[in-house]
Amino acid sequence: MKKLTFLLLLMSGCFALSQISAQTRYLNQVFSDVTVTKNVTYGVNATILYQSVFGEAVPQQLLMDVYTPASDTDTNRPLVLYFHTGNFLPFKNPDPTSPVQNGFNGSCGGQTNDSAAVEICTRLAKMGYVVASCDYRFGWLPTSTIPEVRRYTLINAAYRGVQDASTAIRYFRKTQDVDGNPYGIDPAKVVLFGQGTGGYVSLNTALLDDYNKIPLATNGKFVWNPRTATGNPCAPDAIIPMVIQQVNGDLYGTAVGQSPITDPMNGCAIIKVDTLCYVNHPGYSSDFNLAVNLGGALGDSSWIDNALQNTQPTLLSFQVPNDPFAPYTSAVLTVPGQDPPLQVVEVQGAYLVQELMEAAGNQNVLLNANDKYLDLQTNQLQAFANSPAGLKTPKAGLYPFVMPPDPDDPQLPISSAPWEWTSFPGLPPIPGVTAGFECNTDKSTAIPYIDTIIRFYAPRACFALGLQGCIDQVLSNKEPIAQNIQLTAAPNPAIDQVILRAEAGNTILSVQVIDKTGRQVSMAQSVNNDVYTFRRNNLPAGHYIFKVNFKEGFVTKMVVFE
């Protein structure tokens, strides 16, 4: 990655939503300070990072830094879990016998306190969110001379990332349930936000929601014969999945995983059993509402389900179209920093994933909101217009950062992660070993990209999470809010019907009922009364926004049907 030398002019424009004058929670920064609680343990699980030293996996505390708005009185706040970059390897050399070496992972960061991670977490907390910058387990063999081993160890690293993200979700739900909700979260409103390798974590946690998707992945890319591939006489001599639940633990990290350690010099006798997964916080849901990825990729596009069969989280993506480290459509992933490059496995990137998510019906909340309220932003449309041929069709949940070419290699962008900066300048190349890399050390070049990320994220998250206050503010860009009209909805939650009642003298003109995807499911015209009874009929259980229209403007109410 090359150091940024100038800003893309695309960033100089303003979003339509930035013209909102009111400071609205979850749309704007409404708090001036945040409180950060560092090194909170959200779980303990087995890491293979030191396996070459100890001969088996060892327990690792899973740590996070928790950001909350200072002096906030709200105790029912949406939660964002942020996962940093790092190539599933430590940023600093973990070998205790070697000098500490920044950039050991071949990238410019890889810790919970990376500059971009701190900036984005701080901004979201100032907007009213509870945010946790989470670490996760590392470890794979990117430089193995055996292609199958590179692929096997990578899918296992990604699998552990999914387990750890799920563990973090359950940790917070447990604290809300049994510890008095110390972080003041709403357990029904959860976001996974990943940067770089963290984008792999958020994407794959969102869409890899069934273990059986791994052995059934396209072209059998995640199955192998380990004895044939490695020559290890103790390895199974059969075609088996690269991830096995009994060995690796279940997909969510709620079942123990055990693997025998064998002695090839003694007829492959079992020496001991290695535990590869510990149970953390069972009995709580690992579900979440929204996934965000800055870069990263999906293990297999077949993991995207049709929304009619299985609802998957809404997805927001930010990516450089010609990112050399993660494909924008579909391509074989290569090991960063190696000379020559080593191929690993074909994966799918933001453009193709967003296209397939829209076709599957998983992005309807964004598509419906775009149609009625958000609109595709001018700068987003310009970015698509400037994208490479064949990649110009706008996607509701995607913002492409089209970067200038690298002066030293015009086929590559000047940066594949323009939102990052660090005090670490990078590492020089070693011919025939590593390609080397440079890191951006200029914060001022990264901040405009983070500005864009937050502006694009904020209103879309309002709709994906059902945050009524900021939805009202977004709606008010097209229609006025009836500021002084008091409206009640009872009972709420409801079973068969709900009664909407305005103060005497305030006439309800019409009522629109909008489901969680932003689709209008009912419309009552010409109500012309201060009371309206809505009968549920065959409406499915769930959360609905009632948009009640008056002469002075509209009022919304969130209603739950059980």
Protein backbone atom coordinates (compact mmCIF):
# COMPACT_ATOMS: atom_id res chain seq x y z
CA MET A 1 0.00 0.00 0.00
CA LYS A 2 1.40 3.35 -1.03
CA LYS A 3 1.33 6.51 1.02
CA LEU A 4 -1.45 8.90 -0.01
CA THR A 5 -0.11 12.07 -1.56
CA PHE A 6 -3.31 13.88 -2.36
CA LEU A 7 -7.06 13.71 -1.78
CA LEU A 8 -9.47 12.47 -4.36
CA LEU A 9 -11.60 15.39 -5.48
CA LEU A 10 -14.65 13.18 -5.19
CA MET A 11 -14.47 13.61 -1.44
CA SER A 12 -14.90 17.38 -1.54
CA GLY A 13 -18.66 17.31 -2.22
CA CYS A 14 -21.30 17.27 0.50
CA PHE A 15 -23.99 14.70 1.07
CA ALA A 16 -27.58 15.85 0.97
CA LEU A 17 -28.07 14.52 4.47
CA SER A 18 -25.19 16.60 5.80
CA GLN A 19 -27.47 19.59 5.31
CA ILE A 20 -29.66 18.46 8.21
CA SER A 21 -29.49 21.36 10.62
CA ALA A 22 -30.77 19.57 13.73
CA GLN A 23 -28.34 17.45 15.71
CA THR A 24 -30.08 14.09 15.86
CA ARG A 25 -28.90 11.10 17.84
CA TYR A 26 -27.50 8.34 15.59
CA LEU A 27 -27.33 10.75 12.65
CA ASN A 28 -24.98 13.35 14.13
CA GLN A 29 -22.47 13.65 16.94
CA VAL A 30 -24.55 14.76 19.90
CA PHE A 31 -21.98 14.10 22.64
CA SER A 32 -18.67 15.89 22.99
CA ASP A 33 -16.83 13.20 24.95
CA VAL A 34 -16.71 9.43 25.27
CA THR A 35 -15.72 7.07 28.05
CA VAL A 36 -13.43 4.19 27.08
CA THR A 37 -13.14 1.08 29.24
CA LYS A 38 -10.10 -0.83 28.06
CA ASN A 39 -9.29 -4.54 27.99
CA VAL A 40 -12.70 -5.89 28.92
CA THR A 41 -12.74 -9.70 28.63
CA TYR A 42 -15.69 -10.87 26.54
CA GLY A 43 -14.66 -14.52 26.37
CA VAL A 44 -11.80 -17.02 26.48
CA ASN A 45 -11.03 -19.38 23.63
CA ALA A 46 -8.30 -21.58 22.20
CA THR A 47 -5.72 -20.00 19.91
CA ILE A 48 -3.34 -21.92 17.65
CA LEU A 49 -1.04 -18.89 17.33
CA TYR A 50 1.54 -20.39 19.71
CA GLN A 51 0.93 -24.01 18.72
CA SER A 52 4.45 -24.39 17.31
CA VAL A 53 5.83 -23.41 20.75
CA PHE A 54 3.48 -25.34 23.06
CA GLY A 55 2.46 -28.16 20.73
CA GLU A 56 -1.23 -27.48 21.28
CA ALA A 57 -3.76 -24.67 21.32
CA VAL A 58 -3.67 -22.45 24.41
CA PRO A 59 -6.34 -20.31 26.08
CA GLN A 60 -6.55 -16.70 24.93
CA GLN A 61 -8.53 -13.96 26.60
CA LEU A 62 -10.74 -12.22 24.06
CA LEU A 63 -10.47 -8.52 24.86
CA MET A 64 -12.24 -5.36 23.78
CA ASP A 65 -12.26 -1.63 24.45
CA VAL A 66 -15.79 -0.35 25.12
CA TYR A 67 -16.73 3.20 24.08
CA THR A 68 -19.83 4.89 25.53
CA PRO A 69 -21.11 8.46 25.24
CA ALA A 70 -20.04 10.43 28.31
CA SER A 71 -22.86 11.75 30.52
CA ASP A 72 -25.50 9.86 28.52
CA THR A 73 -28.69 8.98 30.39
CA ASP A 74 -30.09 6.60 27.76
CA THR A 75 -29.81 2.95 28.79
CA ASN A 76 -31.31 1.34 25.68
CA ARG A 77 -28.70 2.04 23.01
CA PRO A 78 -27.81 0.12 19.84
CA LEU A 79 -24.51 -1.76 19.97
CA VAL A 80 -21.70 -1.73 17.39
CA LEU A 81 -18.97 -4.40 17.54
CA TYR A 82 -15.89 -3.24 15.61
CA PHE A 83 -13.29 -5.68 14.25
CA HIS A 84 -9.90 -4.37 13.13
CA THR A 85 -7.69 -5.35 10.22
CA GLY A 86 -4.60 -7.60 10.35
CA ASN A 87 -4.57 -10.57 7.90
CA PHE A 88 -5.48 -12.97 10.74
CA LEU A 89 -1.92 -12.51 12.03
CA PRO A 90 -0.52 -10.36 14.86
CA PHE A 91 0.71 -6.87 13.96
CA LYS A 92 3.77 -7.40 16.16
CA ASN A 93 5.92 -10.53 16.04
CA PRO A 94 4.46 -12.91 18.67
CA ASP A 95 7.64 -14.99 18.97
CA PRO A 96 8.97 -14.25 22.50
CA THR A 97 12.51 -15.12 21.36
CA SER A 98 12.51 -12.55 18.55
CA PRO A 99 12.67 -8.76 18.66
CA VAL A 100 9.30 -7.06 18.41
CA GLN A 101 8.60 -6.36 14.77
CA ASN A 102 5.74 -4.11 13.67
CA GLY A 103 4.16 -5.19 10.43
CA PHE A 104 4.77 -8.88 11.12
CA ASN A 105 1.33 -9.53 9.57
CA GLY A 106 2.22 -7.81 6.29
CA SER A 107 -0.10 -4.86 6.93
CA CYS A 108 -0.14 -1.43 8.53
CA GLY A 109 -2.17 -2.39 11.60
CA GLY A 110 -3.98 -5.12 13.42
CA GLN A 111 -4.91 -4.02 16.94
CA THR A 112 -7.98 -2.72 18.73
CA ASN A 113 -6.31 0.68 19.08
CA ASP A 114 -5.42 1.17 15.40
CA SER A 115 -5.88 4.81 14.46
CA ALA A 116 -8.87 4.26 12.15
CA ALA A 117 -10.53 1.91 14.67
CA VAL A 118 -10.24 4.50 17.46
CA GLU A 119 -11.52 7.29 15.19
CA ILE A 120 -14.57 5.39 13.95
CA CYS A 121 -15.43 3.94 17.38
CA THR A 122 -15.16 7.39 18.96
CA ARG A 123 -17.39 8.98 16.32
CA LEU A 124 -20.07 6.31 16.67
CA ALA A 125 -20.04 6.65 20.46
CA LYS A 126 -20.41 10.43 20.13
CA MET A 127 -23.48 9.72 17.97
CA GLY A 128 -25.02 7.77 20.86
CA TYR A 129 -24.00 4.17 20.14
CA VAL A 130 -22.28 1.78 22.51
CA VAL A 131 -19.20 0.59 20.59
CA ALA A 132 -16.75 -2.21 21.36
CA SER A 133 -13.44 -2.51 19.51
CA CYS A 134 -12.87 -6.27 19.70
CA ASP A 135 -9.82 -8.41 19.16
CA TYR A 136 -10.18 -11.97 17.87
CA ARG A 137 -8.01 -15.04 17.47
CA PHE A 138 -5.21 -15.07 14.89
CA GLY A 139 -3.24 -17.81 13.25
CA TRP A 140 -2.88 -19.49 9.84
CA LEU A 141 -0.07 -20.58 7.51
CA PRO A 142 -0.05 -18.08 4.63
CA THR A 143 3.43 -19.05 3.43
CA SER A 144 2.94 -22.81 3.39
CA THR A 145 4.27 -24.39 0.20
CA ILE A 146 1.14 -26.58 0.07
CA PRO A 147 -1.82 -24.71 -1.52
CA GLU A 148 -4.39 -26.83 0.33
CA VAL A 149 -2.76 -26.00 3.67
CA ARG A 150 -2.98 -22.29 2.93
CA ARG A 151 -6.68 -22.70 2.11
CA TYR A 152 -7.35 -25.01 5.09
CA THR A 153 -5.71 -22.72 7.63
CA LEU A 154 -7.41 -19.61 6.22
CA ILE A 155 -10.97 -20.99 6.36
CA ASN A 156 -10.23 -22.15 9.91
CA ALA A 157 -9.01 -18.66 10.85
CA ALA A 158 -12.18 -17.15 9.36
CA TYR A 159 -14.28 -19.74 11.22
CA ARG A 160 -12.66 -18.72 14.52
CA GLY A 161 -13.41 -15.09 13.64
CA VAL A 162 -17.09 -15.97 13.21
CA GLN A 163 -17.06 -17.80 16.54
CA ASP A 164 -15.45 -14.83 18.30
CA ALA A 165 -17.83 -12.26 16.80
CA SER A 166 -20.77 -14.43 17.86
CA THR A 167 -19.26 -14.76 21.34
CA ALA A 168 -19.02 -10.96 21.66
CA ILE A 169 -22.69 -10.58 20.73
CA ARG A 170 -23.72 -13.15 23.31
CA TYR A 171 -21.51 -11.54 25.97
CA PHE A 172 -23.39 -8.27 25.70
CA ARG A 173 -26.77 -10.00 25.69
CA LYS A 174 -25.75 -11.89 28.82
CA THR A 175 -24.71 -8.66 30.59
CA GLN A 176 -28.06 -7.12 29.69
CA ASP A 177 -29.92 -10.16 30.97
CA VAL A 178 -28.14 -11.06 34.22
CA ASP A 179 -25.74 -8.23 35.09
CA GLY A 180 -28.14 -5.29 35.14
CA ASN A 181 -27.25 -4.06 31.63
CA PRO A 182 -24.03 -2.23 32.69
CA TYR A 183 -23.36 -0.97 29.17
CA GLY A 184 -26.90 0.28 28.57
CA ILE A 185 -27.52 -1.61 25.32
CA ASP A 186 -30.61 -2.56 23.36
CA PRO A 187 -29.95 -6.28 22.70
CA ALA A 188 -32.32 -6.21 19.71
CA LYS A 189 -30.17 -3.68 17.81
CA VAL A 190 -26.68 -4.97 17.04
CA VAL A 191 -24.17 -4.06 14.28
CA LEU A 192 -20.97 -5.87 13.24
CA PHE A 193 -18.52 -3.37 11.70
CA GLY A 194 -15.32 -4.77 10.16
CA GLN A 195 -12.24 -3.11 8.67
CA GLY A 196 -9.95 -5.02 6.29
CA THR A 197 -9.65 -8.52 7.74
CA GLY A 198 -12.37 -7.45 10.16
CA GLY A 199 -14.50 -7.03 7.03
CA TYR A 200 -14.03 -10.75 6.41
CA VAL A 201 -15.23 -11.33 9.97
CA SER A 202 -18.35 -9.17 9.64
CA LEU A 203 -19.28 -10.45 6.16
CA ASN A 204 -18.80 -14.11 6.95
CA THR A 205 -20.53 -13.86 10.33
CA ALA A 206 -23.51 -12.29 8.53
CA LEU A 207 -23.83 -14.84 5.73
CA LEU A 208 -22.16 -18.03 7.00
CA ASP A 209 -25.11 -18.90 9.24
CA ASP A 210 -25.13 -22.67 8.74
CA TYR A 211 -22.12 -24.97 9.18
CA ASN A 212 -23.24 -27.10 6.21
CA LYS A 213 -22.51 -24.20 3.87
CA ILE A 214 -18.78 -24.87 4.33
CA PRO A 215 -18.55 -28.40 2.88
CA LEU A 216 -21.12 -27.42 0.21
CA ALA A 217 -19.18 -24.34 -0.96
CA THR A 218 -18.62 -23.83 -4.69
CA ASN A 219 -16.41 -26.42 -6.43
CA GLY A 220 -15.75 -28.17 -3.12
CA LYS A 221 -13.12 -25.58 -2.27
CA PHE A 222 -13.40 -26.21 1.48
CA VAL A 223 -13.09 -30.01 1.39
CA TRP A 224 -9.86 -31.98 1.00
CA ASN A 225 -7.96 -35.22 1.55
CA PRO A 226 -5.52 -34.14 4.29
CA ARG A 227 -3.24 -37.19 3.93
CA THR A 228 -2.86 -36.74 0.17
CA ALA A 229 -2.34 -32.98 0.53
CA THR A 230 0.17 -33.01 3.39
CA GLY A 231 1.74 -36.46 3.25
CA ASN A 232 1.07 -36.87 6.98
CA PRO A 233 0.48 -40.61 7.57
CA CYS A 234 -1.65 -39.82 10.61
CA ALA A 235 -4.04 -37.56 8.70
CA PRO A 236 -7.38 -38.99 7.52
CA ASP A 237 -7.22 -40.56 4.06
CA ALA A 238 -10.62 -39.43 2.82
CA ILE A 239 -12.37 -36.40 1.36
CA ILE A 240 -13.54 -34.46 4.42
CA PRO A 241 -14.53 -30.84 5.21
CA MET A 242 -11.69 -28.47 6.11
CA VAL A 243 -13.76 -27.44 9.13
CA ILE A 244 -15.40 -30.13 11.29
CA GLN A 245 -17.71 -29.12 14.11
CA GLN A 246 -16.60 -31.91 16.45
CA VAL A 247 -13.00 -30.70 16.01
CA ASN A 248 -13.42 -26.94 15.68
CA GLY A 249 -16.52 -26.39 17.80
CA ASP A 250 -19.82 -25.30 16.34
CA LEU A 251 -20.18 -22.23 14.15
CA TYR A 252 -21.11 -19.94 17.04
CA GLY A 253 -18.55 -21.17 19.58
CA THR A 254 -21.12 -22.78 21.86
CA ALA A 255 -19.77 -26.35 21.69
CA VAL A 256 -16.37 -27.76 22.62
CA GLY A 257 -14.10 -28.75 19.73
CA GLN A 258 -11.48 -31.47 20.22
CA SER A 259 -8.68 -32.76 17.99
CA PRO A 260 -6.36 -35.70 18.75
CA ILE A 261 -2.60 -35.10 18.73
CA THR A 262 -0.93 -38.19 17.29
CA ASP A 263 2.59 -39.64 17.22
CA PRO A 264 3.59 -40.76 13.69
CA MET A 265 6.64 -42.54 15.14
CA ASN A 266 4.38 -44.77 17.22
CA GLY A 267 1.79 -45.94 14.75
CA CYS A 268 -0.11 -42.66 14.96
CA ALA A 269 -1.11 -43.38 18.54
CA ILE A 270 -3.01 -40.57 20.25
CA ILE A 271 -0.76 -38.71 22.68
CA LYS A 272 -3.44 -36.35 23.97
CA VAL A 273 -6.53 -34.49 22.86
CA ASP A 274 -6.23 -30.80 21.97
CA THR A 275 -9.20 -28.56 22.76
CA LEU A 276 -9.75 -26.08 19.92
CA CYS A 277 -12.93 -24.36 21.13
CA TYR A 278 -14.31 -23.52 24.55
CA VAL A 279 -17.94 -22.71 25.27
CA ASN A 280 -18.75 -19.05 25.97
CA HIS A 281 -22.14 -17.66 27.04
CA PRO A 282 -24.44 -20.44 25.79
CA GLY A 283 -28.17 -19.89 25.77
CA TYR A 284 -28.07 -16.42 24.21
CA SER A 285 -28.73 -15.49 20.60
CA SER A 286 -25.86 -14.66 18.21
CA ASP A 287 -28.18 -12.83 15.79
CA PHE A 288 -27.59 -9.27 14.69
CA ASN A 289 -29.21 -6.71 12.38
CA LEU A 290 -26.57 -5.03 10.24
CA ALA A 291 -23.10 -5.90 8.89
CA VAL A 292 -20.65 -3.27 7.66
CA ASN A 293 -17.40 -4.04 5.86
CA LEU A 294 -14.55 -1.73 4.88
CA GLY A 295 -12.81 -4.03 2.41
CA GLY A 296 -12.74 -7.74 3.12
CA ALA A 297 -14.55 -10.47 1.21
CA LEU A 298 -17.00 -13.36 1.53
CA GLY A 299 -15.82 -16.97 1.60
CA ASP A 300 -18.43 -18.10 -0.92
CA SER A 301 -21.32 -16.38 -2.68
CA SER A 302 -23.52 -19.48 -2.21
CA TRP A 303 -23.79 -18.48 1.45
CA ILE A 304 -26.25 -15.71 0.49
CA ASP A 305 -29.82 -16.93 1.10
CA ASN A 306 -33.08 -15.85 -0.46
CA ALA A 307 -34.85 -13.59 2.01
CA LEU A 308 -38.09 -15.55 1.58
CA GLN A 309 -36.35 -18.61 3.03
CA ASN A 310 -33.94 -17.09 5.55
CA THR A 311 -33.53 -13.47 6.63
CA GLN A 312 -29.90 -12.37 6.76
CA PRO A 313 -28.56 -9.07 8.12
CA THR A 314 -28.63 -5.94 5.99
CA LEU A 315 -25.21 -5.15 4.51
CA LEU A 316 -23.27 -1.91 3.97
CA SER A 317 -19.96 -2.08 2.08
CA PHE A 318 -17.08 0.27 1.30
CA GLN A 319 -14.33 -0.85 -1.03
CA VAL A 320 -11.76 0.30 -3.59
CA PRO A 321 -12.84 -1.36 -6.88
CA ASN A 322 -9.30 -2.39 -7.88
CA ASP A 323 -8.23 -3.40 -4.36
CA PRO A 324 -5.32 -5.83 -4.95
CA PHE A 325 -5.82 -7.58 -1.59
CA ALA A 326 -9.56 -8.34 -1.71
CA PRO A 327 -11.61 -8.80 -4.90
CA TYR A 328 -14.42 -6.41 -5.77
CA THR A 329 -16.32 -9.12 -7.68
CA SER A 330 -14.83 -12.64 -7.62
CA ALA A 331 -11.16 -13.59 -7.72
CA VAL A 332 -8.52 -15.73 -6.09
CA LEU A 333 -7.24 -14.22 -2.85
CA THR A 334 -3.46 -13.89 -2.61
CA VAL A 335 -1.23 -13.68 0.46
CA PRO A 336 -0.35 -10.01 1.10
CA GLY A 337 3.30 -9.02 1.00
CA GLN A 338 4.73 -12.21 -0.54
CA ASP A 339 7.16 -12.16 -3.45
CA PRO A 340 6.05 -13.88 -5.60
CA PRO A 341 2.35 -13.76 -4.58
CA LEU A 342 0.86 -16.98 -3.19
CA GLN A 343 -2.71 -17.87 -4.14
CA VAL A 344 -5.16 -19.09 -1.52
CA VAL A 345 -8.81 -19.42 -2.58
CA GLU A 346 -11.45 -17.75 -4.71
CA VAL A 347 -13.65 -15.36 -2.72
CA GLN A 348 -16.28 -12.72 -3.52
CA GLY A 349 -16.09 -8.99 -2.84
CA ALA A 350 -18.40 -6.07 -2.16
CA TYR A 351 -19.79 -5.37 -5.62
CA LEU A 352 -20.84 -8.95 -6.38
CA VAL A 353 -22.03 -9.60 -2.82
CA GLN A 354 -24.18 -6.45 -2.83
CA GLU A 355 -25.60 -7.39 -6.24
CA LEU A 356 -26.53 -10.88 -5.02
CA MET A 357 -27.89 -9.56 -1.71
CA GLU A 358 -30.22 -7.20 -3.57
CA ALA A 359 -31.38 -10.00 -5.90
CA ALA A 360 -32.06 -12.24 -2.87
CA GLY A 361 -34.23 -9.57 -1.20
CA ASN A 362 -31.86 -9.02 1.74
CA GLN A 363 -31.33 -5.32 1.02
CA ASN A 364 -34.98 -4.30 0.73
CA VAL A 365 -34.83 -2.02 3.76
CA LEU A 366 -32.19 0.04 1.94
CA LEU A 367 -33.83 -0.17 -1.46
CA ASN A 368 -37.19 0.90 -0.08
CA ALA A 369 -35.67 3.71 1.95
CA ASN A 370 -33.67 4.87 -1.07
CA ASP A 371 -36.80 4.94 -3.21
CA LYS A 372 -38.76 7.04 -0.74
CA TYR A 373 -36.42 8.93 1.56
CA LEU A 374 -32.66 8.52 1.22
CA ASP A 375 -31.96 8.76 -2.51
CA LEU A 376 -28.64 7.65 -3.95
CA GLN A 377 -26.18 10.33 -2.94
CA THR A 378 -24.68 12.55 -5.64
CA ASN A 379 -21.13 11.57 -4.70
CA GLN A 380 -22.05 7.89 -4.59
CA LEU A 381 -23.45 8.10 -8.13
CA GLN A 382 -20.32 9.92 -9.26
CA ALA A 383 -18.16 7.21 -7.70
CA PHE A 384 -20.07 4.53 -9.61
CA ALA A 385 -19.80 6.57 -12.81
CA ASN A 386 -16.02 6.69 -12.33
CA SER A 387 -15.79 2.97 -11.55
CA PRO A 388 -14.26 0.49 -14.01
CA ALA A 389 -16.34 -0.74 -16.95
CA GLY A 390 -18.94 -3.30 -15.95
CA LEU A 391 -19.01 -2.07 -12.35
CA LYS A 392 -20.98 1.15 -12.81
CA THR A 393 -24.47 0.01 -11.77
CA PRO A 394 -25.23 1.58 -8.35
CA LYS A 395 -25.96 -0.66 -5.37
CA ALA A 396 -27.99 0.71 -2.47
CA GLY A 397 -25.60 -0.53 0.23
CA LEU A 398 -22.27 0.05 -1.52
CA TYR A 399 -19.95 3.05 -1.65
CA PRO A 400 -16.98 2.57 -4.00
CA PHE A 401 -13.86 4.60 -3.28
CA VAL A 402 -12.34 5.07 -6.73
CA MET A 403 -8.68 5.85 -6.11
CA PRO A 404 -6.02 7.41 -8.36
CA PRO A 405 -3.46 4.97 -9.79
CA ASP A 406 -0.20 4.24 -8.03
CA PRO A 407 2.54 6.19 -9.88
CA ASP A 408 4.87 3.18 -9.56
CA ASP A 409 2.27 0.69 -10.85
CA PRO A 410 -0.71 2.26 -12.68
CA GLN A 411 -2.63 -1.03 -12.52
CA LEU A 412 -2.94 -0.63 -8.75
CA PRO A 413 -4.69 2.06 -6.69
CA ILE A 414 -2.62 4.49 -4.67
CA SER A 415 -4.35 3.01 -1.60
CA SER A 416 -6.62 0.01 -1.01
CA ALA A 417 -7.65 1.29 2.43
CA PRO A 418 -7.77 5.11 2.19
CA TRP A 419 -9.47 5.37 5.61
CA GLU A 420 -6.31 4.11 7.39
CA TRP A 421 -3.29 5.93 8.80
CA THR A 422 -0.60 5.02 11.29
CA SER A 423 2.72 6.17 12.74
CA PHE A 424 4.25 2.96 11.31
CA PRO A 425 5.83 3.71 7.89
CA GLY A 426 5.85 0.13 6.63
CA LEU A 427 8.57 -2.37 5.74
CA PRO A 428 11.07 -2.47 2.86
CA PRO A 429 10.94 -5.28 0.30
CA ILE A 430 13.16 -8.34 0.50
CA PRO A 431 13.48 -9.65 -3.10
CA GLY A 432 12.19 -13.16 -3.47
CA VAL A 433 10.72 -13.13 0.05
CA THR A 434 8.46 -10.17 0.73
CA ALA A 435 7.15 -7.41 -1.49
CA GLY A 436 7.34 -4.82 1.29
CA PHE A 437 4.73 -2.14 1.82
CA GLU A 438 4.34 1.51 2.71
CA CYS A 439 1.80 2.88 5.21
CA ASN A 440 -0.02 6.18 5.19
CA THR A 441 1.26 8.32 8.07
CA ASP A 442 -0.85 11.39 7.23
CA LYS A 443 -4.09 11.51 9.22
CA SER A 444 -5.42 14.43 7.17
CA THR A 445 -5.68 12.26 4.05
CA ALA A 446 -7.68 9.52 5.82
CA ILE A 447 -10.22 11.66 7.70
CA PRO A 448 -12.29 12.71 4.62
CA TYR A 449 -12.86 9.04 3.80
CA ILE A 450 -14.01 8.33 7.35
CA ASP A 451 -16.30 11.36 7.05
CA THR A 452 -17.88 9.76 3.99
CA ILE A 453 -18.16 6.35 5.65
CA ILE A 454 -20.03 7.79 8.63
CA ARG A 455 -22.32 9.97 6.51
CA PHE A 456 -23.25 7.01 4.33
CA TYR A 457 -23.63 4.63 7.27
CA ALA A 458 -25.68 6.78 9.62
CA PRO A 459 -29.07 7.19 7.88
CA ARG A 460 -29.00 3.64 6.49
CA ALA A 461 -28.31 2.21 9.94
CA CYS A 462 -31.36 4.14 11.19
CA PHE A 463 -33.59 2.17 8.84
CA ALA A 464 -31.78 -1.17 9.25
CA LEU A 465 -31.99 -0.93 13.06
CA GLY A 466 -35.43 0.72 13.23
CA LEU A 467 -34.20 3.77 15.16
CA GLN A 468 -37.35 5.84 15.24
CA GLY A 469 -35.90 9.23 16.20
CA CYS A 470 -33.40 9.38 13.37
CA ILE A 471 -35.86 7.82 10.92
CA ASP A 472 -38.17 10.73 11.71
CA GLN A 473 -35.35 13.16 10.98
CA VAL A 474 -34.56 11.48 7.66
CA LEU A 475 -38.23 11.46 6.71
CA SER A 476 -38.44 15.14 7.58
CA ASN A 477 -36.09 15.93 4.70
CA LYS A 478 -39.03 15.22 2.40
CA GLU A 479 -41.97 16.05 4.68
CA PRO A 480 -42.39 18.18 7.82
CA ILE A 481 -42.67 16.62 11.29
CA ALA A 482 -45.75 17.63 13.29
CA GLN A 483 -43.67 18.88 16.20
CA ASN A 484 -46.36 19.66 18.79
CA ILE A 485 -48.87 16.85 18.27
CA GLN A 486 -49.02 14.17 20.96
CA LEU A 487 -49.93 10.72 19.67
CA THR A 488 -50.42 7.50 21.66
CA ALA A 489 -50.54 3.90 20.44
CA ALA A 490 -52.15 1.30 22.74
CA PRO A 491 -51.80 -1.48 23.51
CA ASN A 492 -48.16 -1.74 22.53
CA PRO A 493 -47.04 -4.52 22.19
CA ALA A 494 -50.35 -5.51 20.58
CA ILE A 495 -51.97 -8.77 19.53
CA ASP A 496 -55.06 -8.11 17.41
CA GLN A 497 -55.31 -4.35 17.07
CA VAL A 498 -53.78 -1.04 18.10
CA ILE A 499 -55.57 2.26 18.72
CA LEU A 500 -53.88 5.46 17.62
CA ARG A 501 -55.15 8.52 19.49
CA ALA A 502 -54.20 12.15 18.91
CA GLU A 503 -54.97 15.03 21.23
CA ALA A 504 -58.44 16.46 20.73
CA GLY A 505 -58.54 18.88 17.84
CA ASN A 506 -55.71 17.20 15.91
CA THR A 507 -57.23 15.33 13.01
CA ILE A 508 -55.53 12.23 11.64
CA LEU A 509 -55.66 12.46 7.84
CA SER A 510 -54.08 9.11 6.90
CA VAL A 511 -52.00 6.26 8.34
CA GLN A 512 -49.21 4.32 6.67
CA VAL A 513 -47.84 1.07 8.14
CA ILE A 514 -44.24 0.25 7.20
CA ASP A 515 -42.52 -3.07 7.94
CA LYS A 516 -38.89 -3.64 8.94
CA THR A 517 -37.74 -3.68 5.29
CA GLY A 518 -39.21 -0.22 4.67
CA ARG A 519 -42.09 -1.65 2.62
CA GLN A 520 -45.56 -0.12 3.08
CA VAL A 521 -47.86 -2.97 4.11
CA SER A 522 -51.04 -0.98 4.80
CA MET A 523 -52.47 2.45 4.03
CA ALA A 524 -55.62 4.07 5.47
CA GLN A 525 -56.78 7.18 3.60
CA SER A 526 -59.30 9.80 4.71
CA VAL A 527 -59.31 8.87 8.40
CA ASN A 528 -60.43 12.41 9.37
CA ASN A 529 -60.69 11.67 13.09
CA ASP A 530 -58.47 12.01 16.15
CA VAL A 531 -58.76 8.24 16.78
CA TYR A 532 -57.93 5.39 14.42
CA THR A 533 -58.11 1.64 15.14
CA PHE A 534 -55.77 -0.52 13.13
CA ARG A 535 -56.71 -4.19 12.93
CA ARG A 536 -53.84 -6.58 12.44
CA ASN A 537 -55.64 -9.21 10.34
CA ASN A 538 -52.92 -11.40 8.75
CA LEU A 539 -49.97 -9.11 9.44
CA PRO A 540 -46.99 -11.21 10.65
CA ALA A 541 -45.53 -10.66 14.11
CA GLY A 542 -42.82 -8.05 14.24
CA HIS A 543 -41.92 -4.36 14.53
CA TYR A 544 -43.80 -1.80 12.42
CA ILE A 545 -43.54 1.94 11.97
CA PHE A 546 -46.90 3.72 11.90
CA LYS A 547 -46.54 6.98 9.98
CA VAL A 548 -49.54 9.10 10.98
CA ASN A 549 -50.17 12.15 8.80
CA PHE A 550 -51.73 15.42 9.99
CA LYS A 551 -52.25 18.77 8.31
CA GLU A 552 -49.15 20.05 10.13
CA GLY A 553 -46.96 17.09 9.10
CA PHE A 554 -46.40 13.53 10.32
CA VAL A 555 -45.74 11.65 13.58
CA THR A 556 -44.36 8.11 13.76
CA LYS A 557 -44.89 5.37 16.32
CA MET A 558 -43.10 2.05 16.57
CA VAL A 559 -45.63 -0.73 17.24
CA VAL A 560 -44.84 -4.36 18.03
CA PHE A 561 -47.29 -7.12 17.10
CA GLU A 562 -46.69 -10.33 19.05
